[in-house]
């Protein structure tokens, strides 16, 4: 059974070079009879009884410096010192983290749902654009029937929607996004896309937690995800989506801000 030890969570020295161990259970450097969880970045407080007898660590290779808590790097991590991912595969209490592709699929499904509702609600703001496009194609069709090779002038779409309309579109998009994410994250710990993909949001390093996320947590998480999309800040959205590919705990920007992780729920 896992338990929480009294040792402070720290960032012990990384092994030589840029490779470290993947997340998992390793011999506790302070107690040979127990195992401690390494999340791919640092030792956690979580320990458990060792499942197998712990063999004494082999002597360090020539030239190798001390590893975490004075244990040689190869022995401390239980893996080769080369070609190893630094990303955790599970939370600190052993629940598998969601893969990037599943998270991307869930996000795409959520974006389609929110985008469809937002488009339908903001459709009246695009009325002049729709009218202008219809008139353009009508003129183009009549010109083609008359044998003309000169297309009609393209309408200036930038002048067909006012600044006020653009602001209202942004506010509607933001409101729909927040109304979608907040209640689902608070009461189900997952959006519809996440539920369809078998994913769940949990507090960081607490994959087995069944408690509801707090309102402050879901508010921060939803705000950092929804606002860049409403403001058309695509670069922030792209950075947010891609960050789990490299982050040691597979967290996005909104995960980091809300202190959450996404796990596989089934």
C-alpha atoms as a PDB file:
ATOM      1  CA  UNK A   1       0.000   0.000   0.000  1.00  0.00           C
ATOM      2  CA  UNK A   2       1.317   3.421  -0.929  1.00  0.00           C
ATOM      3  CA  UNK A   3       1.875   6.016   1.768  1.00  0.00           C
ATOM      4  CA  UNK A   4       3.179   9.558   2.076  1.00  0.00           C
ATOM      5  CA  UNK A   5       6.643   9.831   3.593  1.00  0.00           C
ATOM      6  CA  UNK A   6       7.982  12.766   5.557  1.00  0.00           C
ATOM      7  CA  UNK A   7      10.807  13.518   3.173  1.00  0.00           C
ATOM      8  CA  UNK A   8      10.375  16.900   1.472  1.00  0.00           C
ATOM      9  CA  UNK A   9       9.708  16.810  -2.244  1.00  0.00           C
ATOM     10  CA  UNK A  10      12.856  18.011  -3.952  1.00  0.00           C
ATOM     11  CA  UNK A  11      14.682  17.995  -7.258  1.00  0.00           C
ATOM     12  CA  UNK A  12      17.701  15.726  -6.735  1.00  0.00           C
ATOM     13  CA  UNK A  13      20.634  16.036  -9.092  1.00  0.00           C
ATOM     14  CA  UNK A  14      19.849  14.677 -12.544  1.00  0.00           C
ATOM     15  CA  UNK A  15      21.991  11.881 -13.994  1.00  0.00           C
ATOM     16  CA  UNK A  16      24.943  12.891 -16.140  1.00  0.00           C
ATOM     17  CA  UNK A  17      23.942  14.139 -19.569  1.00  0.00           C
ATOM     18  CA  UNK A  18      20.398  15.032 -20.502  1.00  0.00           C
ATOM     19  CA  UNK A  19      18.726  11.674 -19.904  1.00  0.00           C
ATOM     20  CA  UNK A  20      16.765  10.761 -16.795  1.00  0.00           C
ATOM     21  CA  UNK A  21      14.482   7.951 -15.758  1.00  0.00           C
ATOM     22  CA  UNK A  22      10.840   7.659 -16.860  1.00  0.00           C
ATOM     23  CA  UNK A  23       8.186   7.982 -14.200  1.00  0.00           C
ATOM     24  CA  UNK A  24       7.668   4.887 -12.078  1.00  0.00           C
ATOM     25  CA  UNK A  25       8.468   3.084  -8.833  1.00  0.00           C
ATOM     26  CA  UNK A  26      12.160   2.769  -7.925  1.00  0.00           C
ATOM     27  CA  UNK A  27      14.063   1.672  -4.795  1.00  0.00           C
ATOM     28  CA  UNK A  28      13.774   4.373  -2.168  1.00  0.00           C
ATOM     29  CA  UNK A  29      17.249   5.913  -1.741  1.00  0.00           C
ATOM     30  CA  UNK A  30      16.506   6.329   1.980  1.00  0.00           C
ATOM     31  CA  UNK A  31      14.893   2.963   2.779  1.00  0.00           C
ATOM     32  CA  UNK A  32      15.911  -0.225   0.998  1.00  0.00           C
ATOM     33  CA  UNK A  33      12.715  -1.966   2.147  1.00  0.00           C
ATOM     34  CA  UNK A  34      10.472   0.500   0.297  1.00  0.00           C
ATOM     35  CA  UNK A  35       9.999   1.972  -3.154  1.00  0.00           C
ATOM     36  CA  UNK A  36       9.565   5.672  -3.924  1.00  0.00           C
ATOM     37  CA  UNK A  37       7.751   7.165  -6.939  1.00  0.00           C
ATOM     38  CA  UNK A  38       9.904   9.108  -9.429  1.00  0.00           C
ATOM     39  CA  UNK A  39       7.649  11.259 -11.678  1.00  0.00           C
ATOM     40  CA  UNK A  40      10.232  11.757 -14.403  1.00  0.00           C
ATOM     41  CA  UNK A  41      11.373  15.031 -12.913  1.00  0.00           C
ATOM     42  CA  UNK A  42      11.744  14.629  -9.174  1.00  0.00           C
ATOM     43  CA  UNK A  43      11.152  12.259  -6.262  1.00  0.00           C
ATOM     44  CA  UNK A  44       7.614  12.424  -4.821  1.00  0.00           C
ATOM     45  CA  UNK A  45       6.480  11.916  -1.234  1.00  0.00           C
ATOM     46  CA  UNK A  46       4.684   8.692  -2.151  1.00  0.00           C
ATOM     47  CA  UNK A  47       6.294   5.410  -1.115  1.00  0.00           C
ATOM     48  CA  UNK A  48       5.212   1.784  -0.881  1.00  0.00           C
ATOM     49  CA  UNK A  49       6.572  -1.527   0.315  1.00  0.00           C
ATOM     50  CA  UNK A  50       9.057  -3.031  -2.111  1.00  0.00           C
ATOM     51  CA  UNK A  51       7.452  -5.761  -4.228  1.00  0.00           C
ATOM     52  CA  UNK A  52      10.770  -7.527  -4.839  1.00  0.00           C
ATOM     53  CA  UNK A  53      13.881  -7.827  -2.799  1.00  0.00           C
ATOM     54  CA  UNK A  54      16.137  -4.898  -3.456  1.00  0.00           C
ATOM     55  CA  UNK A  55      19.514  -5.922  -4.802  1.00  0.00           C
ATOM     56  CA  UNK A  56      22.488  -3.841  -3.738  1.00  0.00           C
ATOM     57  CA  UNK A  57      23.325  -1.232  -6.380  1.00  0.00           C
ATOM     58  CA  UNK A  58      26.254  -1.999  -8.664  1.00  0.00           C
ATOM     59  CA  UNK A  59      29.308   0.190  -8.358  1.00  0.00           C
ATOM     60  CA  UNK A  60      29.137   3.389 -10.413  1.00  0.00           C
ATOM     61  CA  UNK A  61      30.922   3.414 -13.758  1.00  0.00           C
ATOM     62  CA  UNK A  62      34.236   5.167 -13.931  1.00  0.00           C
ATOM     63  CA  UNK A  63      33.737   8.906 -14.184  1.00  0.00           C
ATOM     64  CA  UNK A  64      30.043   8.839 -13.165  1.00  0.00           C
ATOM     65  CA  UNK A  65      29.001  11.348 -10.540  1.00  0.00           C
ATOM     66  CA  UNK A  66      26.624  10.660  -7.661  1.00  0.00           C
ATOM     67  CA  UNK A  67      22.930  10.340  -8.418  1.00  0.00           C
ATOM     68  CA  UNK A  68      19.914  11.387  -6.315  1.00  0.00           C
ATOM     69  CA  UNK A  69      20.627  11.179  -2.569  1.00  0.00           C
ATOM     70  CA  UNK A  70      24.132   9.887  -3.243  1.00  0.00           C
ATOM     71  CA  UNK A  71      23.024   6.785  -5.189  1.00  0.00           C
ATOM     72  CA  UNK A  72      24.847   6.112  -8.469  1.00  0.00           C
ATOM     73  CA  UNK A  73      22.712   7.270 -11.432  1.00  0.00           C
ATOM     74  CA  UNK A  74      22.199   3.881 -13.092  1.00  0.00           C
ATOM     75  CA  UNK A  75      21.282   2.226  -9.794  1.00  0.00           C
ATOM     76  CA  UNK A  76      19.022   5.050  -8.606  1.00  0.00           C
ATOM     77  CA  UNK A  77      16.846   4.988 -11.697  1.00  0.00           C
ATOM     78  CA  UNK A  78      17.013   1.301 -12.519  1.00  0.00           C
ATOM     79  CA  UNK A  79      17.416   1.995 -16.231  1.00  0.00           C
ATOM     80  CA  UNK A  80      20.137   2.628 -18.740  1.00  0.00           C
ATOM     81  CA  UNK A  81      21.512   6.137 -18.752  1.00  0.00           C
ATOM     82  CA  UNK A  82      20.977   6.616 -22.466  1.00  0.00           C
ATOM     83  CA  UNK A  83      17.950   6.739 -24.763  1.00  0.00           C
ATOM     84  CA  UNK A  84      15.382   7.161 -21.941  1.00  0.00           C
ATOM     85  CA  UNK A  85      12.409   9.496 -21.988  1.00  0.00           C
ATOM     86  CA  UNK A  86      12.142  11.959 -19.086  1.00  0.00           C
ATOM     87  CA  UNK A  87       8.332  11.968 -19.283  1.00  0.00           C
ATOM     88  CA  UNK A  88       6.270  10.333 -16.568  1.00  0.00           C
ATOM     89  CA  UNK A  89       3.991   7.512 -17.694  1.00  0.00           C
ATOM     90  CA  UNK A  90       1.761   7.676 -14.613  1.00  0.00           C
ATOM     91  CA  UNK A  91       0.794  10.017 -11.824  1.00  0.00           C
ATOM     92  CA  UNK A  92       2.671   9.804  -8.536  1.00  0.00           C
ATOM     93  CA  UNK A  93       0.112   7.297  -7.237  1.00  0.00           C
ATOM     94  CA  UNK A  94       0.386   5.050 -10.283  1.00  0.00           C
ATOM     95  CA  UNK A  95      -2.550   6.047 -12.550  1.00  0.00           C
ATOM     96  CA  UNK A  96      -1.671   6.061 -16.287  1.00  0.00           C
ATOM     97  CA  UNK A  97      -1.496   9.520 -17.844  1.00  0.00           C
ATOM     98  CA  UNK A  98      -3.452  10.272 -21.012  1.00  0.00           C
ATOM     99  CA  UNK A  99      -1.533  10.051 -24.265  1.00  0.00           C
ATOM    100  CA  UNK A 100      -1.119  13.132 -26.428  1.00  0.00           C
ATOM    101  CA  UNK A 101      -3.196  11.786 -29.315  1.00  0.00           C
ATOM    102  CA  UNK A 102      -6.151  10.983 -27.070  1.00  0.00           C
ATOM    103  CA  UNK A 103      -5.983  14.462 -25.568  1.00  0.00           C
ATOM    104  CA  UNK A 104      -5.804  15.990 -29.050  1.00  0.00           C
ATOM    105  CA  UNK A 105      -8.844  13.976 -30.190  1.00  0.00           C
ATOM    106  CA  UNK A 106     -10.830  15.014 -27.121  1.00  0.00           C
ATOM    107  CA  UNK A 107      -9.852  18.656 -27.677  1.00  0.00           C
ATOM    108  CA  UNK A 108     -10.908  18.477 -31.322  1.00  0.00           C
ATOM    109  CA  UNK A 109     -14.309  17.083 -30.369  1.00  0.00           C
ATOM    110  CA  UNK A 110     -14.785  19.839 -27.790  1.00  0.00           C
ATOM    111  CA  UNK A 111     -13.723  22.500 -30.308  1.00  0.00           C
ATOM    112  CA  UNK A 112     -16.263  21.245 -32.847  1.00  0.00           C
ATOM    113  CA  UNK A 113     -19.089  21.341 -30.295  1.00  0.00           C
ATOM    114  CA  UNK A 114     -18.202  24.805 -28.972  1.00  0.00           C
ATOM    115  CA  UNK A 115     -17.478  26.140 -32.463  1.00  0.00           C
ATOM    116  CA  UNK A 116     -20.814  24.936 -33.844  1.00  0.00           C
ATOM    117  CA  UNK A 117     -22.836  26.549 -31.044  1.00  0.00           C
ATOM    118  CA  UNK A 118     -20.802  29.770 -31.253  1.00  0.00           C
ATOM    119  CA  UNK A 119     -21.259  29.973 -35.030  1.00  0.00           C
ATOM    120  CA  UNK A 120     -25.020  29.527 -34.806  1.00  0.00           C
ATOM    121  CA  UNK A 121     -25.291  32.219 -32.121  1.00  0.00           C
ATOM    122  CA  UNK A 122     -23.110  34.694 -34.037  1.00  0.00           C
ATOM    123  CA  UNK A 123     -24.572  33.985 -37.466  1.00  0.00           C
ATOM    124  CA  UNK A 124     -26.626  37.243 -37.504  1.00  0.00           C
ATOM    125  CA  UNK A 125     -23.370  39.237 -37.298  1.00  0.00           C
ATOM    126  CA  UNK A 126     -22.242  37.685 -40.579  1.00  0.00           C
ATOM    127  CA  UNK A 127     -25.436  38.579 -42.445  1.00  0.00           C
ATOM    128  CA  UNK A 128     -23.844  41.333 -44.539  1.00  0.00           C
ATOM    129  CA  UNK A 129     -20.930  39.093 -45.445  1.00  0.00           C
ATOM    130  CA  UNK A 130     -23.304  36.326 -46.554  1.00  0.00           C
ATOM    131  CA  UNK A 131     -25.301  38.842 -48.614  1.00  0.00           C
ATOM    132  CA  UNK A 132     -22.134  40.222 -50.226  1.00  0.00           C
ATOM    133  CA  UNK A 133     -20.824  36.753 -51.081  1.00  0.00           C
ATOM    134  CA  UNK A 134     -24.172  35.763 -52.595  1.00  0.00           C
ATOM    135  CA  UNK A 135     -24.252  38.949 -54.695  1.00  0.00           C
ATOM    136  CA  UNK A 136     -20.675  38.358 -55.859  1.00  0.00           C
ATOM    137  CA  UNK A 137     -21.359  34.842 -57.074  1.00  0.00           C
ATOM    138  CA  UNK A 138     -24.572  36.010 -58.729  1.00  0.00           C
ATOM    139  CA  UNK A 139     -22.645  38.655 -60.692  1.00  0.00           C
ATOM    140  CA  UNK A 140     -19.944  36.144 -61.549  1.00  0.00           C
ATOM    141  CA  UNK A 141     -22.546  33.721 -62.884  1.00  0.00           C
ATOM    142  CA  UNK A 142     -24.235  36.395 -65.015  1.00  0.00           C
ATOM    143  CA  UNK A 143     -20.849  37.533 -66.344  1.00  0.00           C
ATOM    144  CA  UNK A 144     -19.972  33.987 -67.321  1.00  0.00           C
ATOM    145  CA  UNK A 145     -23.304  33.600 -69.116  1.00  0.00           C
ATOM    146  CA  UNK A 146     -22.613  36.816 -71.033  1.00  0.00           C
ATOM    147  CA  UNK A 147     -19.214  35.483 -72.121  1.00  0.00           C
ATOM    148  CA  UNK A 148     -17.192  37.971 -70.091  1.00  0.00           C
ATOM    149  CA  UNK A 149     -13.738  36.838 -68.945  1.00  0.00           C
ATOM    150  CA  UNK A 150     -13.398  39.634 -66.358  1.00  0.00           C
ATOM    151  CA  UNK A 151     -14.678  38.593 -62.912  1.00  0.00           C
ATOM    152  CA  UNK A 152     -16.638  41.127 -60.857  1.00  0.00           C
ATOM    153  CA  UNK A 153     -14.731  43.030 -58.165  1.00  0.00           C
ATOM    154  CA  UNK A 154     -14.267  41.077 -54.943  1.00  0.00           C
ATOM    155  CA  UNK A 155     -16.099  42.674 -52.014  1.00  0.00           C
ATOM    156  CA  UNK A 156     -13.997  44.116 -49.206  1.00  0.00           C
ATOM    157  CA  UNK A 157     -14.981  41.788 -46.372  1.00  0.00           C
ATOM    158  CA  UNK A 158     -13.070  43.849 -43.793  1.00  0.00           C
ATOM    159  CA  UNK A 159     -15.606  46.659 -44.177  1.00  0.00           C
ATOM    160  CA  UNK A 160     -18.651  44.410 -43.930  1.00  0.00           C
ATOM    161  CA  UNK A 161     -18.344  43.713 -40.197  1.00  0.00           C
ATOM    162  CA  UNK A 162     -17.947  46.539 -37.687  1.00  0.00           C
ATOM    163  CA  UNK A 163     -15.616  46.640 -34.718  1.00  0.00           C
ATOM    164  CA  UNK A 164     -18.613  46.386 -32.399  1.00  0.00           C
ATOM    165  CA  UNK A 165     -19.774  43.232 -34.160  1.00  0.00           C
ATOM    166  CA  UNK A 166     -16.279  41.748 -33.876  1.00  0.00           C
ATOM    167  CA  UNK A 167     -16.260  42.450 -30.139  1.00  0.00           C
ATOM    168  CA  UNK A 168     -19.684  40.846 -29.718  1.00  0.00           C
ATOM    169  CA  UNK A 169     -18.569  37.783 -31.656  1.00  0.00           C
ATOM    170  CA  UNK A 170     -15.541  37.473 -29.377  1.00  0.00           C
ATOM    171  CA  UNK A 171     -17.685  37.805 -26.233  1.00  0.00           C
ATOM    172  CA  UNK A 172     -20.211  35.229 -27.439  1.00  0.00           C
ATOM    173  CA  UNK A 173     -17.439  32.771 -28.320  1.00  0.00           C
ATOM    174  CA  UNK A 174     -15.816  33.274 -24.923  1.00  0.00           C
ATOM    175  CA  UNK A 175     -19.117  32.889 -23.057  1.00  0.00           C
ATOM    176  CA  UNK A 176     -20.009  29.677 -24.892  1.00  0.00           C
ATOM    177  CA  UNK A 177     -16.580  28.203 -24.199  1.00  0.00           C
ATOM    178  CA  UNK A 178     -16.720  28.996 -20.481  1.00  0.00           C
ATOM    179  CA  UNK A 179     -20.332  27.786 -20.179  1.00  0.00           C
ATOM    180  CA  UNK A 180     -19.270  24.498 -21.774  1.00  0.00           C
ATOM    181  CA  UNK A 181     -16.108  23.810 -19.765  1.00  0.00           C
ATOM    182  CA  UNK A 182     -16.921  25.096 -16.274  1.00  0.00           C
ATOM    183  CA  UNK A 183     -19.864  22.861 -15.249  1.00  0.00           C
ATOM    184  CA  UNK A 184     -18.477  19.757 -16.938  1.00  0.00           C
ATOM    185  CA  UNK A 185     -15.064  20.081 -15.298  1.00  0.00           C
ATOM    186  CA  UNK A 186     -16.577  20.917 -11.922  1.00  0.00           C
ATOM    187  CA  UNK A 187     -19.175  18.144 -11.756  1.00  0.00           C
ATOM    188  CA  UNK A 188     -17.747  15.467 -14.085  1.00  0.00           C
ATOM    189  CA  UNK A 189     -14.007  16.254 -14.086  1.00  0.00           C
ATOM    190  CA  UNK A 190     -14.111  15.920 -17.871  1.00  0.00           C
ATOM    191  CA  UNK A 191     -15.575  17.567 -20.949  1.00  0.00           C
ATOM    192  CA  UNK A 192     -17.795  15.634 -23.366  1.00  0.00           C
ATOM    193  CA  UNK A 193     -14.790  15.035 -25.621  1.00  0.00           C
ATOM    194  CA  UNK A 194     -12.770  13.702 -22.676  1.00  0.00           C
ATOM    195  CA  UNK A 195     -15.589  11.442 -21.565  1.00  0.00           C
ATOM    196  CA  UNK A 196     -15.891  10.038 -25.075  1.00  0.00           C
ATOM    197  CA  UNK A 197     -12.143   9.283 -25.061  1.00  0.00           C
ATOM    198  CA  UNK A 198     -12.107   7.866 -21.528  1.00  0.00           C
ATOM    199  CA  UNK A 199     -10.097  10.720 -19.989  1.00  0.00           C
ATOM    200  CA  UNK A 200     -10.428  12.526 -16.668  1.00  0.00           C
ATOM    201  CA  UNK A 201      -8.896  15.637 -15.069  1.00  0.00           C
ATOM    202  CA  UNK A 202      -7.355  15.155 -11.613  1.00  0.00           C
ATOM    203  CA  UNK A 203      -5.218  17.253  -9.252  1.00  0.00           C
ATOM    204  CA  UNK A 204      -1.539  16.907 -10.095  1.00  0.00           C
ATOM    205  CA  UNK A 205      -0.013  13.663  -8.724  1.00  0.00           C
ATOM    206  CA  UNK A 206      -3.414  12.532  -7.374  1.00  0.00           C
ATOM    207  CA  UNK A 207      -4.651  10.217 -10.107  1.00  0.00           C
ATOM    208  CA  UNK A 208      -6.788   8.148  -7.733  1.00  0.00           C
ATOM    209  CA  UNK A 209      -8.627  11.173  -6.355  1.00  0.00           C
ATOM    210  CA  UNK A 210     -12.420  10.988  -6.680  1.00  0.00           C
ATOM    211  CA  UNK A 211     -13.000  14.457  -5.236  1.00  0.00           C
ATOM    212  CA  UNK A 212     -14.550  17.138  -7.428  1.00  0.00           C
ATOM    213  CA  UNK A 213     -12.224  19.779  -8.790  1.00  0.00           C
ATOM    214  CA  UNK A 214     -12.624  23.106  -6.995  1.00  0.00           C
ATOM    215  CA  UNK A 215     -14.311  26.055  -8.670  1.00  0.00           C
ATOM    216  CA  UNK A 216     -11.062  28.019  -8.599  1.00  0.00           C
ATOM    217  CA  UNK A 217      -9.262  25.148 -10.305  1.00  0.00           C
ATOM    218  CA  UNK A 218     -11.789  24.735 -13.128  1.00  0.00           C
ATOM    219  CA  UNK A 219     -12.084  28.512 -13.570  1.00  0.00           C
ATOM    220  CA  UNK A 220      -8.330  28.946 -14.077  1.00  0.00           C
ATOM    221  CA  UNK A 221      -8.117  25.884 -16.310  1.00  0.00           C
ATOM    222  CA  UNK A 222     -11.038  26.908 -18.524  1.00  0.00           C
ATOM    223  CA  UNK A 223      -9.996  30.564 -18.687  1.00  0.00           C
ATOM    224  CA  UNK A 224      -6.475  29.840 -19.923  1.00  0.00           C
ATOM    225  CA  UNK A 225      -7.814  27.395 -22.515  1.00  0.00           C
ATOM    226  CA  UNK A 226     -10.821  29.353 -23.779  1.00  0.00           C
ATOM    227  CA  UNK A 227      -9.592  32.973 -23.771  1.00  0.00           C
ATOM    228  CA  UNK A 228      -6.769  32.635 -26.367  1.00  0.00           C
ATOM    229  CA  UNK A 229      -9.200  30.955 -28.763  1.00  0.00           C
ATOM    230  CA  UNK A 230     -11.809  33.693 -28.314  1.00  0.00           C
ATOM    231  CA  UNK A 231      -9.134  36.353 -28.913  1.00  0.00           C
ATOM    232  CA  UNK A 232      -7.741  34.446 -31.935  1.00  0.00           C
ATOM    233  CA  UNK A 233      -4.342  34.130 -30.246  1.00  0.00           C
ATOM    234  CA  UNK A 234      -3.566  30.964 -32.178  1.00  0.00           C
ATOM    235  CA  UNK A 235       0.100  30.872 -31.193  1.00  0.00           C
ATOM    236  CA  UNK A 236      -0.842  30.453 -27.510  1.00  0.00           C
ATOM    237  CA  UNK A 237      -3.341  27.738 -28.337  1.00  0.00           C
ATOM    238  CA  UNK A 238      -0.769  25.844 -30.416  1.00  0.00           C
ATOM    239  CA  UNK A 239       1.836  26.152 -27.646  1.00  0.00           C
ATOM    240  CA  UNK A 240      -0.718  24.935 -25.107  1.00  0.00           C
ATOM    241  CA  UNK A 241      -1.628  21.899 -27.208  1.00  0.00           C
ATOM    242  CA  UNK A 242       1.968  20.888 -27.966  1.00  0.00           C
ATOM    243  CA  UNK A 243       3.463  21.341 -24.487  1.00  0.00           C
ATOM    244  CA  UNK A 244       2.516  17.817 -23.224  1.00  0.00           C
ATOM    245  CA  UNK A 245       4.795  16.331 -25.880  1.00  0.00           C
ATOM    246  CA  UNK A 246       7.812  17.571 -23.885  1.00  0.00           C
ATOM    247  CA  UNK A 247       6.650  18.366 -20.372  1.00  0.00           C
ATOM    248  CA  UNK A 248       7.881  15.824 -17.764  1.00  0.00           C
ATOM    249  CA  UNK A 249       4.367  15.389 -16.336  1.00  0.00           C
ATOM    250  CA  UNK A 250       2.589  15.714 -19.716  1.00  0.00           C
ATOM    251  CA  UNK A 251       0.874  18.934 -18.625  1.00  0.00           C
ATOM    252  CA  UNK A 252      -0.475  21.731 -20.808  1.00  0.00           C
ATOM    253  CA  UNK A 253      -0.316  25.422 -19.924  1.00  0.00           C
ATOM    254  CA  UNK A 254      -3.806  25.264 -18.429  1.00  0.00           C
ATOM    255  CA  UNK A 255      -2.807  22.131 -16.490  1.00  0.00           C
ATOM    256  CA  UNK A 256       0.191  23.937 -15.037  1.00  0.00           C
ATOM    257  CA  UNK A 257      -1.881  26.966 -14.036  1.00  0.00           C
ATOM    258  CA  UNK A 258      -4.633  24.850 -12.447  1.00  0.00           C
ATOM    259  CA  UNK A 259      -2.224  22.194 -11.069  1.00  0.00           C
ATOM    260  CA  UNK A 260      -3.989  19.336 -12.835  1.00  0.00           C
ATOM    261  CA  UNK A 261      -3.151  16.324 -14.970  1.00  0.00           C
ATOM    262  CA  UNK A 262      -5.242  14.283 -17.400  1.00  0.00           C
ATOM    263  CA  UNK A 263      -5.415  10.542 -16.791  1.00  0.00           C
ATOM    264  CA  UNK A 264      -6.969   7.608 -18.576  1.00  0.00           C
ATOM    265  CA  UNK A 265     -10.261   6.978 -16.846  1.00  0.00           C
ATOM    266  CA  UNK A 266     -10.795   3.499 -18.262  1.00  0.00           C
END
